[in-house]
Amino acid sequence: MPGRLGSRRAAAGHGAQARRAAWTSAVGLSLVELLVATSVAASALGAAWPWVWNSGAAARAMVARAQAKTSASFAARIIDDDVAKATALLTPADGRAPGTSLYLRHDHPGEPPETVAIVWDPARKVLWRKAPGTYLADRVEAFAVRYFHSDGTELVGADFAAGEWVASVARLSVTVRTRDGGAVTAAVLGVVPGPS
């Protein structure tokens, strides 16, 4: 009898092992294997997180630089087009400084002359066209207009006191600087106003 009982126990043990092996192969992983795999994955993700974070920050900075450059370039193209169409350079209205605003006259056949004003609002860092009207750019850190005589000398403060200083301007330069995400982009134009 003892021999028969021992062989039954051995057969039962082999049957339990076979069932465990079948269950493991059917499920795929044991609980211990699943816990080990989870801890390895968590360690790998934890180690990769700084790289993912830095990559995201670099991508945001790159997008911010591209937006700043695009904004400055767009404003520069509009201003360049306005100056090319201008028939006269005008004295800035409403006591605005000539160095931070640009006033031009556009003539359209059969219509009264149009005054095109490009004005920078330093408090809001916004560049307006027809002040305020068409929004040209935001996050504008600086907008500067420089006026030059035909001999290349720049008009300075005393020159602007003369009533008809615009008649002596032969060339002007406009600078737009935008800032976004630490990027500073300058778009500089060298342009000549139309006849006054």
N, C-alpha and C. Protein backbone atom coordinates (compact mmCIF):
# COMPACT_ATOMS: atom_id res chain seq x y z
N MET A 1 0.79 -1.22 0.00
CA MET A 1 0.00 0.00 0.00
C MET A 1 0.82 1.27 0.00
N PRO A 2 1.88 1.31 0.82
CA PRO A 2 2.64 2.55 0.84
C PRO A 2 3.20 2.88 -0.53
N GLY A 3 3.56 1.88 -1.26
CA GLY A 3 4.11 2.17 -2.59
C GLY A 3 3.07 2.77 -3.51
N ARG A 4 1.83 2.25 -3.36
CA ARG A 4 0.77 2.77 -4.21
C ARG A 4 0.42 4.20 -3.83
N LEU A 5 0.39 4.49 -2.50
CA LEU A 5 0.08 5.84 -2.02
C LEU A 5 1.16 6.83 -2.46
N GLY A 6 2.40 6.42 -2.39
CA GLY A 6 3.49 7.29 -2.81
C GLY A 6 3.43 7.61 -4.29
N SER A 7 3.08 6.60 -5.09
CA SER A 7 3.00 6.86 -6.53
C SER A 7 1.83 7.76 -6.87
N ARG A 8 0.73 7.64 -6.04
CA ARG A 8 -0.41 8.54 -6.26
C ARG A 8 -0.01 9.98 -5.94
N ARG A 9 0.71 10.14 -4.83
CA ARG A 9 1.16 11.50 -4.46
C ARG A 9 2.10 12.07 -5.52
N ALA A 10 2.97 11.25 -6.00
CA ALA A 10 3.91 11.71 -7.03
C ALA A 10 3.15 12.10 -8.30
N ALA A 11 2.14 11.29 -8.65
CA ALA A 11 1.35 11.61 -9.84
C ALA A 11 0.57 12.89 -9.63
N ALA A 12 0.04 13.09 -8.39
CA ALA A 12 -0.71 14.33 -8.09
C ALA A 12 0.22 15.52 -8.16
N GLY A 13 1.46 15.36 -7.66
CA GLY A 13 2.44 16.45 -7.71
C GLY A 13 2.78 16.80 -9.15
N HIS A 14 2.96 15.80 -9.97
CA HIS A 14 3.26 16.07 -11.39
C HIS A 14 2.07 16.72 -12.08
N GLY A 15 0.88 16.32 -11.68
CA GLY A 15 -0.33 16.92 -12.25
C GLY A 15 -0.45 18.38 -11.87
N ALA A 16 -0.14 18.73 -10.61
CA ALA A 16 -0.19 20.14 -10.17
C ALA A 16 0.86 20.96 -10.90
N GLN A 17 2.05 20.37 -11.08
CA GLN A 17 3.10 21.08 -11.81
C GLN A 17 2.67 21.31 -13.25
N ALA A 18 2.08 20.30 -13.83
CA ALA A 18 1.64 20.41 -15.22
C ALA A 18 0.55 21.48 -15.34
N ARG A 19 -0.38 21.49 -14.33
CA ARG A 19 -1.44 22.51 -14.37
C ARG A 19 -0.86 23.90 -14.21
N ARG A 20 0.14 24.08 -13.29
CA ARG A 20 0.78 25.37 -13.10
C ARG A 20 1.50 25.82 -14.37
N ALA A 21 2.20 24.88 -15.00
CA ALA A 21 2.92 25.19 -16.23
C ALA A 21 1.95 25.57 -17.34
N ALA A 22 0.83 24.83 -17.41
CA ALA A 22 -0.17 25.14 -18.43
C ALA A 22 -0.79 26.50 -18.16
N TRP A 23 -1.08 26.80 -16.87
CA TRP A 23 -1.69 28.10 -16.53
C TRP A 23 -0.73 29.24 -16.85
N THR A 24 0.55 29.06 -16.53
CA THR A 24 1.55 30.10 -16.80
C THR A 24 1.69 30.32 -18.30
N SER A 25 1.74 29.26 -19.07
CA SER A 25 1.91 29.43 -20.51
C SER A 25 0.64 30.01 -21.13
N ALA A 26 -0.53 29.68 -20.57
CA ALA A 26 -1.78 30.22 -21.12
C ALA A 26 -1.90 31.71 -20.81
N VAL A 27 -1.54 32.11 -19.59
CA VAL A 27 -1.65 33.52 -19.20
C VAL A 27 -0.48 34.30 -19.78
N GLY A 28 0.68 33.75 -19.84
CA GLY A 28 1.84 34.42 -20.40
C GLY A 28 2.87 34.76 -19.37
N LEU A 29 2.45 35.33 -18.24
CA LEU A 29 3.39 35.76 -17.21
C LEU A 29 2.86 35.39 -15.84
N SER A 30 3.77 35.06 -14.95
CA SER A 30 3.36 34.87 -13.56
C SER A 30 3.30 36.23 -12.90
N LEU A 31 2.74 36.30 -11.72
CA LEU A 31 2.62 37.56 -10.99
C LEU A 31 3.99 38.16 -10.70
N VAL A 32 4.94 37.32 -10.34
CA VAL A 32 6.30 37.81 -10.05
C VAL A 32 6.93 38.41 -11.31
N GLU A 33 6.77 37.71 -12.42
CA GLU A 33 7.32 38.22 -13.69
C GLU A 33 6.67 39.55 -14.06
N LEU A 34 5.37 39.68 -13.83
CA LEU A 34 4.66 40.92 -14.11
C LEU A 34 5.16 42.06 -13.23
N LEU A 35 5.39 41.79 -11.95
CA LEU A 35 5.92 42.81 -11.05
C LEU A 35 7.33 43.23 -11.45
N VAL A 36 8.15 42.28 -11.84
CA VAL A 36 9.52 42.61 -12.28
C VAL A 36 9.47 43.47 -13.54
N ALA A 37 8.63 43.08 -14.49
CA ALA A 37 8.52 43.86 -15.73
C ALA A 37 8.01 45.27 -15.46
N THR A 38 7.05 45.41 -14.54
CA THR A 38 6.52 46.74 -14.19
C THR A 38 7.59 47.60 -13.56
N SER A 39 8.37 47.03 -12.65
CA SER A 39 9.41 47.82 -11.99
C SER A 39 10.51 48.23 -12.97
N VAL A 40 10.86 47.34 -13.90
CA VAL A 40 11.86 47.69 -14.93
C VAL A 40 11.33 48.81 -15.82
N ALA A 41 10.07 48.71 -16.24
CA ALA A 41 9.47 49.75 -17.09
C ALA A 41 9.39 51.09 -16.35
N ALA A 42 9.02 51.05 -15.07
CA ALA A 42 8.95 52.29 -14.29
C ALA A 42 10.33 52.92 -14.14
N SER A 43 11.35 52.11 -13.93
CA SER A 43 12.72 52.63 -13.83
C SER A 43 13.17 53.26 -15.15
N ALA A 44 12.85 52.59 -16.26
CA ALA A 44 13.23 53.13 -17.57
C ALA A 44 12.52 54.44 -17.86
N LEU A 45 11.23 54.51 -17.55
CA LEU A 45 10.48 55.75 -17.77
C LEU A 45 10.97 56.87 -16.86
N GLY A 46 11.29 56.50 -15.61
CA GLY A 46 11.83 57.51 -14.68
C GLY A 46 13.15 58.07 -15.17
N ALA A 47 13.98 57.22 -15.72
CA ALA A 47 15.27 57.68 -16.24
C ALA A 47 15.09 58.52 -17.51
N ALA A 48 14.08 58.21 -18.31
CA ALA A 48 13.86 58.93 -19.57
C ALA A 48 13.10 60.24 -19.38
N TRP A 49 12.44 60.43 -18.24
CA TRP A 49 11.59 61.62 -18.06
C TRP A 49 12.35 62.94 -18.22
N PRO A 50 13.54 63.10 -17.63
CA PRO A 50 14.27 64.37 -17.84
C PRO A 50 14.54 64.64 -19.31
N TRP A 51 14.89 63.60 -20.06
CA TRP A 51 15.14 63.79 -21.49
C TRP A 51 13.86 64.24 -22.21
N VAL A 52 12.73 63.60 -21.87
CA VAL A 52 11.45 64.00 -22.49
C VAL A 52 11.11 65.44 -22.12
N TRP A 53 11.31 65.80 -20.86
CA TRP A 53 11.02 67.16 -20.40
C TRP A 53 11.89 68.19 -21.12
N ASN A 54 13.20 67.90 -21.22
CA ASN A 54 14.12 68.81 -21.90
C ASN A 54 13.83 68.91 -23.39
N SER A 55 13.44 67.80 -23.99
CA SER A 55 13.07 67.82 -25.42
C SER A 55 11.85 68.70 -25.64
N GLY A 56 10.87 68.60 -24.74
CA GLY A 56 9.67 69.45 -24.85
C GLY A 56 10.01 70.91 -24.69
N ALA A 57 10.89 71.23 -23.74
CA ALA A 57 11.30 72.62 -23.52
C ALA A 57 12.05 73.15 -24.74
N ALA A 58 12.90 72.33 -25.33
CA ALA A 58 13.64 72.75 -26.53
C ALA A 58 12.68 72.98 -27.70
N ALA A 59 11.69 72.13 -27.82
CA ALA A 59 10.71 72.29 -28.90
C ALA A 59 9.89 73.56 -28.70
N ARG A 60 9.50 73.85 -27.44
CA ARG A 60 8.74 75.09 -27.17
C ARG A 60 9.58 76.31 -27.48
N ALA A 61 10.86 76.28 -27.13
CA ALA A 61 11.75 77.41 -27.41
C ALA A 61 11.92 77.61 -28.92
N MET A 62 12.02 76.51 -29.65
CA MET A 62 12.17 76.61 -31.10
C MET A 62 10.91 77.20 -31.73
N VAL A 63 9.74 76.77 -31.26
CA VAL A 63 8.48 77.31 -31.77
C VAL A 63 8.37 78.80 -31.45
N ALA A 64 8.77 79.19 -30.23
CA ALA A 64 8.72 80.60 -29.83
C ALA A 64 9.63 81.44 -30.72
N ARG A 65 10.83 80.94 -31.01
CA ARG A 65 11.74 81.69 -31.90
C ARG A 65 11.15 81.81 -33.29
N ALA A 66 10.55 80.74 -33.79
CA ALA A 66 9.94 80.78 -35.13
C ALA A 66 8.78 81.77 -35.16
N GLN A 67 7.97 81.79 -34.09
CA GLN A 67 6.85 82.74 -34.04
C GLN A 67 7.35 84.17 -33.99
N ALA A 68 8.40 84.42 -33.20
CA ALA A 68 8.95 85.77 -33.10
C ALA A 68 9.48 86.22 -34.45
N LYS A 69 10.21 85.34 -35.13
CA LYS A 69 10.75 85.69 -36.45
C LYS A 69 9.64 85.91 -37.46
N THR A 70 8.64 85.06 -37.45
CA THR A 70 7.51 85.20 -38.37
C THR A 70 6.75 86.50 -38.12
N SER A 71 6.52 86.83 -36.86
CA SER A 71 5.80 88.05 -36.51
C SER A 71 6.56 89.29 -36.99
N ALA A 72 7.86 89.33 -36.73
CA ALA A 72 8.67 90.46 -37.17
C ALA A 72 8.72 90.55 -38.69
N SER A 73 8.86 89.40 -39.35
CA SER A 73 8.93 89.39 -40.82
C SER A 73 7.62 89.84 -41.44
N PHE A 74 6.49 89.40 -40.85
CA PHE A 74 5.18 89.82 -41.36
C PHE A 74 5.02 91.33 -41.25
N ALA A 75 5.35 91.88 -40.07
CA ALA A 75 5.24 93.33 -39.88
C ALA A 75 6.16 94.06 -40.85
N ALA A 76 7.37 93.55 -41.05
CA ALA A 76 8.31 94.19 -41.98
C ALA A 76 7.78 94.20 -43.40
N ARG A 77 7.18 93.09 -43.83
CA ARG A 77 6.63 93.03 -45.19
C ARG A 77 5.50 94.03 -45.37
N ILE A 78 4.61 94.15 -44.39
CA ILE A 78 3.49 95.10 -44.48
C ILE A 78 4.03 96.53 -44.54
N ILE A 79 4.99 96.84 -43.67
CA ILE A 79 5.55 98.19 -43.65
C ILE A 79 6.26 98.49 -44.97
N ASP A 80 7.03 97.52 -45.47
CA ASP A 80 7.73 97.70 -46.75
C ASP A 80 6.74 97.97 -47.87
N ASP A 81 5.63 97.23 -47.87
CA ASP A 81 4.60 97.42 -48.89
C ASP A 81 3.95 98.79 -48.76
N ASP A 82 3.66 99.21 -47.51
CA ASP A 82 3.05 100.52 -47.29
C ASP A 82 3.97 101.65 -47.75
N VAL A 83 5.26 101.52 -47.47
CA VAL A 83 6.21 102.56 -47.88
C VAL A 83 6.34 102.58 -49.40
N ALA A 84 6.34 101.41 -50.03
CA ALA A 84 6.45 101.35 -51.49
C ALA A 84 5.24 102.02 -52.16
N LYS A 85 4.07 101.93 -51.55
CA LYS A 85 2.85 102.52 -52.13
C LYS A 85 2.66 103.98 -51.73
N ALA A 86 3.49 104.48 -50.80
CA ALA A 86 3.29 105.84 -50.28
C ALA A 86 3.61 106.89 -51.33
N THR A 87 2.82 107.93 -51.33
CA THR A 87 3.09 109.08 -52.19
C THR A 87 3.72 110.22 -51.39
N ALA A 88 3.70 110.11 -50.08
CA ALA A 88 4.32 111.13 -49.23
C ALA A 88 4.55 110.59 -47.83
N LEU A 89 5.57 111.15 -47.20
CA LEU A 89 5.83 110.91 -45.80
C LEU A 89 5.15 112.04 -45.04
N LEU A 90 4.41 111.71 -43.98
CA LEU A 90 3.66 112.72 -43.23
C LEU A 90 4.23 112.89 -41.83
N THR A 91 3.98 114.07 -41.25
CA THR A 91 4.36 114.33 -39.87
C THR A 91 3.44 113.51 -38.96
N PRO A 92 3.98 112.80 -37.98
CA PRO A 92 3.12 112.03 -37.08
C PRO A 92 2.08 112.90 -36.39
N ALA A 93 0.87 112.38 -36.29
CA ALA A 93 -0.23 113.13 -35.68
C ALA A 93 -0.31 112.85 -34.19
N ASP A 94 -1.15 113.62 -33.53
CA ASP A 94 -1.47 113.43 -32.11
C ASP A 94 -0.24 113.48 -31.20
N GLY A 95 0.75 114.25 -31.59
CA GLY A 95 1.94 114.40 -30.76
C GLY A 95 2.78 113.14 -30.64
N ARG A 96 2.62 112.20 -31.55
CA ARG A 96 3.41 110.97 -31.50
C ARG A 96 4.84 111.25 -31.95
N ALA A 97 5.76 110.52 -31.38
CA ALA A 97 7.18 110.72 -31.70
C ALA A 97 7.50 110.11 -33.06
N PRO A 98 8.26 110.84 -33.89
CA PRO A 98 8.62 110.29 -35.21
C PRO A 98 9.45 109.01 -35.12
N GLY A 99 10.18 108.85 -34.02
CA GLY A 99 11.04 107.67 -33.88
C GLY A 99 10.32 106.39 -33.57
N THR A 100 9.05 106.47 -33.12
CA THR A 100 8.30 105.25 -32.80
C THR A 100 6.97 105.18 -33.54
N SER A 101 6.82 106.00 -34.57
CA SER A 101 5.60 105.93 -35.40
C SER A 101 5.96 106.34 -36.81
N LEU A 102 5.19 105.84 -37.74
CA LEU A 102 5.42 106.14 -39.16
C LEU A 102 4.08 106.50 -39.80
N TYR A 103 4.03 107.69 -40.41
CA TYR A 103 2.80 108.15 -41.06
C TYR A 103 3.09 108.35 -42.55
N LEU A 104 2.24 107.76 -43.37
CA LEU A 104 2.40 107.81 -44.82
C LEU A 104 1.09 108.20 -45.48
N ARG A 105 1.19 108.76 -46.69
CA ARG A 105 -0.02 109.06 -47.46
C ARG A 105 -0.08 108.13 -48.65
N HIS A 106 -1.26 107.53 -48.83
CA HIS A 106 -1.53 106.70 -50.00
C HIS A 106 -2.60 107.41 -50.83
N ASP A 107 -2.36 107.54 -52.11
CA ASP A 107 -3.35 108.13 -53.01
C ASP A 107 -3.99 107.01 -53.83
N HIS A 108 -5.32 107.04 -53.87
CA HIS A 108 -6.09 106.07 -54.66
C HIS A 108 -6.93 106.85 -55.66
N PRO A 109 -6.92 106.47 -56.93
CA PRO A 109 -7.67 107.20 -57.95
C PRO A 109 -9.16 107.30 -57.59
N GLY A 110 -9.69 108.52 -57.67
CA GLY A 110 -11.11 108.75 -57.42
C GLY A 110 -11.49 108.74 -55.95
N GLU A 111 -10.53 108.67 -55.06
CA GLU A 111 -10.81 108.64 -53.62
C GLU A 111 -9.94 109.66 -52.91
N PRO A 112 -10.36 110.11 -51.75
CA PRO A 112 -9.52 111.04 -50.99
C PRO A 112 -8.24 110.34 -50.51
N PRO A 113 -7.18 111.09 -50.29
CA PRO A 113 -5.93 110.47 -49.82
C PRO A 113 -6.15 109.72 -48.50
N GLU A 114 -5.42 108.64 -48.35
CA GLU A 114 -5.52 107.82 -47.15
C GLU A 114 -4.27 108.00 -46.31
N THR A 115 -4.44 108.24 -45.02
CA THR A 115 -3.31 108.32 -44.10
C THR A 115 -3.10 106.94 -43.47
N VAL A 116 -1.91 106.40 -43.67
CA VAL A 116 -1.56 105.10 -43.10
C VAL A 116 -0.62 105.37 -41.93
N ALA A 117 -1.06 104.99 -40.75
CA ALA A 117 -0.26 105.18 -39.55
C ALA A 117 0.18 103.83 -39.01
N ILE A 118 1.46 103.71 -38.74
CA ILE A 118 2.00 102.51 -38.10
C ILE A 118 2.58 102.97 -36.77
N VAL A 119 1.96 102.51 -35.69
CA VAL A 119 2.26 103.04 -34.36
C VAL A 119 2.55 101.88 -33.40
N TRP A 120 3.55 102.07 -32.58
CA TRP A 120 3.91 101.08 -31.56
C TRP A 120 3.36 101.51 -30.22
N ASP A 121 2.69 100.59 -29.54
CA ASP A 121 2.20 100.82 -28.18
C ASP A 121 3.16 100.10 -27.24
N PRO A 122 4.14 100.83 -26.64
CA PRO A 122 5.14 100.15 -25.81
C PRO A 122 4.57 99.52 -24.55
N ALA A 123 3.47 100.07 -24.02
CA ALA A 123 2.88 99.51 -22.79
C ALA A 123 2.32 98.11 -23.05
N ARG A 124 1.65 97.95 -24.19
CA ARG A 124 1.06 96.65 -24.52
C ARG A 124 1.95 95.82 -25.44
N LYS A 125 3.07 96.42 -25.90
CA LYS A 125 4.02 95.75 -26.80
C LYS A 125 3.34 95.27 -28.08
N VAL A 126 2.50 96.15 -28.63
CA VAL A 126 1.75 95.82 -29.84
C VAL A 126 2.07 96.85 -30.92
N LEU A 127 2.21 96.37 -32.15
CA LEU A 127 2.42 97.25 -33.29
C LEU A 127 1.12 97.30 -34.09
N TRP A 128 0.57 98.53 -34.23
CA TRP A 128 -0.70 98.72 -34.91
C TRP A 128 -0.49 99.38 -36.27
N ARG A 129 -1.39 99.12 -37.16
CA ARG A 129 -1.46 99.83 -38.44
C ARG A 129 -2.75 100.63 -38.41
N LYS A 130 -2.65 101.91 -38.63
CA LYS A 130 -3.76 102.87 -38.54
C LYS A 130 -4.19 103.06 -37.10
N ALA A 131 -3.43 102.79 -36.19
CA ALA A 131 -3.41 103.07 -34.75
C ALA A 131 -4.71 103.41 -34.05
N PRO A 132 -5.39 102.55 -33.38
CA PRO A 132 -5.30 101.11 -33.59
C PRO A 132 -6.23 100.70 -34.72
N GLY A 133 -5.85 99.74 -35.44
CA GLY A 133 -6.64 99.25 -36.58
C GLY A 133 -6.23 97.84 -36.86
N THR A 134 -5.46 97.65 -37.92
CA THR A 134 -4.97 96.32 -38.23
C THR A 134 -3.81 96.00 -37.31
N TYR A 135 -3.93 94.89 -36.65
CA TYR A 135 -2.92 94.44 -35.71
C TYR A 135 -1.78 93.82 -36.50
N LEU A 136 -0.57 94.36 -36.36
CA LEU A 136 0.57 93.85 -37.12
C LEU A 136 1.38 92.80 -36.36
N ALA A 137 1.69 93.07 -35.09
CA ALA A 137 2.52 92.14 -34.33
C ALA A 137 2.33 92.39 -32.84
N ASP A 138 2.52 91.33 -32.06
CA ASP A 138 2.52 91.49 -30.61
C ASP A 138 3.89 91.09 -30.08
N ARG A 139 4.09 91.27 -28.78
CA ARG A 139 5.37 91.02 -28.14
C ARG A 139 6.49 91.81 -28.81
N VAL A 140 6.15 93.01 -29.26
CA VAL A 140 7.13 93.88 -29.92
C VAL A 140 7.90 94.62 -28.84
N GLU A 141 9.16 94.30 -28.70
CA GLU A 141 10.01 94.91 -27.68
C GLU A 141 10.50 96.30 -28.12
N ALA A 142 10.65 96.49 -29.42
CA ALA A 142 11.14 97.78 -29.90
C ALA A 142 10.66 98.01 -31.32
N PHE A 143 10.32 99.24 -31.60
CA PHE A 143 9.96 99.67 -32.95
C PHE A 143 10.62 101.02 -33.14
N ALA A 144 11.49 101.11 -34.11
CA ALA A 144 12.23 102.36 -34.31
C ALA A 144 12.22 102.75 -35.77
N VAL A 145 11.97 104.04 -36.01
CA VAL A 145 12.02 104.61 -37.36
C VAL A 145 13.15 105.63 -37.36
N ARG A 146 14.07 105.48 -38.29
CA ARG A 146 15.18 106.43 -38.44
C ARG A 146 15.06 107.09 -39.80
N TYR A 147 15.25 108.40 -39.82
CA TYR A 147 15.11 109.20 -41.04
C TYR A 147 16.47 109.75 -41.43
N PHE A 148 16.73 109.78 -42.74
CA PHE A 148 18.03 110.22 -43.23
C PHE A 148 17.87 111.27 -44.34
N HIS A 149 18.80 112.24 -44.36
CA HIS A 149 18.88 113.22 -45.44
C HIS A 149 19.46 112.55 -46.68
N SER A 150 19.43 113.25 -47.79
CA SER A 150 19.97 112.69 -49.03
C SER A 150 21.48 112.47 -48.94
N ASP A 151 22.19 113.21 -48.08
CA ASP A 151 23.64 113.01 -47.92
C ASP A 151 23.97 111.87 -46.96
N GLY A 152 22.96 111.21 -46.42
CA GLY A 152 23.16 110.06 -45.55
C GLY A 152 23.18 110.37 -44.07
N THR A 153 23.16 111.68 -43.71
CA THR A 153 23.14 112.02 -42.29
C THR A 153 21.74 111.78 -41.71
N GLU A 154 21.71 111.37 -40.46
CA GLU A 154 20.44 111.05 -39.81
C GLU A 154 19.83 112.29 -39.18
N LEU A 155 18.51 112.41 -39.29
CA LEU A 155 17.80 113.49 -38.61
C LEU A 155 17.82 113.21 -37.12
N VAL A 156 18.07 114.24 -36.33
CA VAL A 156 18.10 114.10 -34.87
C VAL A 156 17.03 115.00 -34.27
N GLY A 157 16.95 115.03 -32.94
CA GLY A 157 15.90 115.76 -32.23
C GLY A 157 15.63 117.16 -32.71
N ALA A 158 16.68 117.95 -32.92
CA ALA A 158 16.49 119.35 -33.36
C ALA A 158 15.90 119.42 -34.76
N ASP A 159 16.23 118.46 -35.61
CA ASP A 159 15.70 118.46 -36.98
C ASP A 159 14.19 118.29 -37.00
N PHE A 160 13.65 117.54 -36.03
CA PHE A 160 12.21 117.29 -35.99
C PHE A 160 11.43 118.51 -35.52
N ALA A 161 12.12 119.49 -34.95
CA ALA A 161 11.44 120.71 -34.50
C ALA A 161 11.02 121.58 -35.68
N ALA A 162 11.72 121.46 -36.80
CA ALA A 162 11.37 122.24 -38.00
C ALA A 162 10.03 121.74 -38.53
N GLY A 163 9.21 122.68 -38.96
CA GLY A 163 7.85 122.35 -39.40
C GLY A 163 7.78 121.39 -40.57
N GLU A 164 8.66 121.53 -41.54
CA GLU A 164 8.60 120.71 -42.75
C GLU A 164 9.76 119.73 -42.83
N TRP A 165 10.08 119.11 -41.73
CA TRP A 165 11.22 118.19 -41.72
C TRP A 165 11.02 117.00 -42.64
N VAL A 166 9.76 116.62 -42.88
CA VAL A 166 9.51 115.45 -43.73
C VAL A 166 10.00 115.68 -45.16
N ALA A 167 10.03 116.94 -45.60
CA ALA A 167 10.48 117.25 -46.97
C ALA A 167 11.97 116.97 -47.14
N SER A 168 12.73 116.98 -46.05
CA SER A 168 14.18 116.75 -46.15
C SER A 168 14.55 115.27 -46.05
N VAL A 169 13.57 114.39 -45.85
CA VAL A 169 13.86 112.96 -45.70
C VAL A 169 14.00 112.32 -47.07
N ALA A 170 15.13 111.66 -47.28
CA ALA A 170 15.36 110.94 -48.54
C ALA A 170 15.27 109.43 -48.36
N ARG A 171 15.50 108.98 -47.15
CA ARG A 171 15.50 107.54 -46.88
C ARG A 171 15.11 107.31 -45.43
N LEU A 172 14.47 106.20 -45.17
CA LEU A 172 14.16 105.87 -43.79
C LEU A 172 14.42 104.39 -43.54
N SER A 173 14.64 104.07 -42.30
CA SER A 173 14.92 102.69 -41.90
C SER A 173 13.99 102.35 -40.75
N VAL A 174 13.39 101.19 -40.83
CA VAL A 174 12.45 100.74 -39.80
C VAL A 174 12.98 99.45 -39.17
N THR A 175 12.98 99.39 -37.85
CA THR A 175 13.41 98.19 -37.13
C THR A 175 12.26 97.70 -36.26
N VAL A 176 11.96 96.42 -36.37
CA VAL A 176 10.94 95.78 -35.54
C VAL A 176 11.64 94.66 -34.76
N ARG A 177 11.56 94.73 -33.44
CA ARG A 177 12.14 93.66 -32.62
C ARG A 177 11.02 93.01 -31.82
N THR A 178 10.89 91.71 -31.97
CA THR A 178 9.89 90.97 -31.22
C THR A 178 10.59 90.01 -30.28
N ARG A 179 9.92 89.73 -29.18
CA ARG A 179 10.49 88.80 -28.20
C ARG A 179 9.43 87.76 -27.86
N ASP A 180 9.87 86.51 -27.86
CA ASP A 180 8.98 85.43 -27.47
C ASP A 180 9.85 84.27 -27.00
N GLY A 181 9.66 83.88 -25.78
CA GLY A 181 10.44 82.76 -25.27
C GLY A 181 11.92 83.04 -25.21
N GLY A 182 12.30 84.29 -25.01
CA GLY A 182 13.71 84.63 -24.91
C GLY A 182 14.36 84.95 -26.24
N ALA A 183 13.64 84.77 -27.32
CA ALA A 183 14.23 85.05 -28.64
C ALA A 183 13.98 86.49 -29.03
N VAL A 184 14.99 87.14 -29.56
CA VAL A 184 14.84 88.50 -30.07
C VAL A 184 15.16 88.48 -31.55
N THR A 185 14.24 88.96 -32.35
CA THR A 185 14.43 88.97 -33.79
C THR A 185 14.26 90.39 -34.29
N ALA A 186 15.14 90.82 -35.16
CA ALA A 186 15.04 92.16 -35.73
C ALA A 186 14.81 92.05 -37.23
N ALA A 187 13.86 92.80 -37.71
CA ALA A 187 13.62 92.91 -39.15
C ALA A 187 13.90 94.36 -39.51
N VAL A 188 14.90 94.60 -40.32
CA VAL A 188 15.33 95.95 -40.65
C VAL A 188 15.07 96.22 -42.12
N LEU A 189 14.49 97.36 -42.41
CA LEU A 189 14.21 97.75 -43.79
C LEU A 189 14.98 99.04 -44.12
N GLY A 190 15.43 99.14 -45.32
CA GLY A 190 15.94 100.41 -45.82
C GLY A 190 15.01 100.82 -46.96
N VAL A 191 14.29 101.90 -46.81
CA VAL A 191 13.25 102.25 -47.78
C VAL A 191 13.31 103.74 -48.11
N VAL A 192 12.78 104.08 -49.25
CA VAL A 192 12.71 105.48 -49.68
C VAL A 192 11.25 105.86 -49.84
N PRO A 193 10.78 106.92 -49.19
CA PRO A 193 9.37 107.32 -49.35
C PRO A 193 9.14 107.87 -50.75
N GLY A 194 7.87 107.84 -51.17
CA GLY A 194 7.52 108.39 -52.46
C GLY A 194 7.63 109.92 -52.43
N PRO A 195 7.41 110.55 -53.57
CA PRO A 195 7.53 112.02 -53.64
C PRO A 195 6.49 112.69 -52.75
N SER A 196 6.89 113.79 -52.10
CA SER A 196 5.96 114.48 -51.20
C SER A 196 5.10 115.46 -51.97
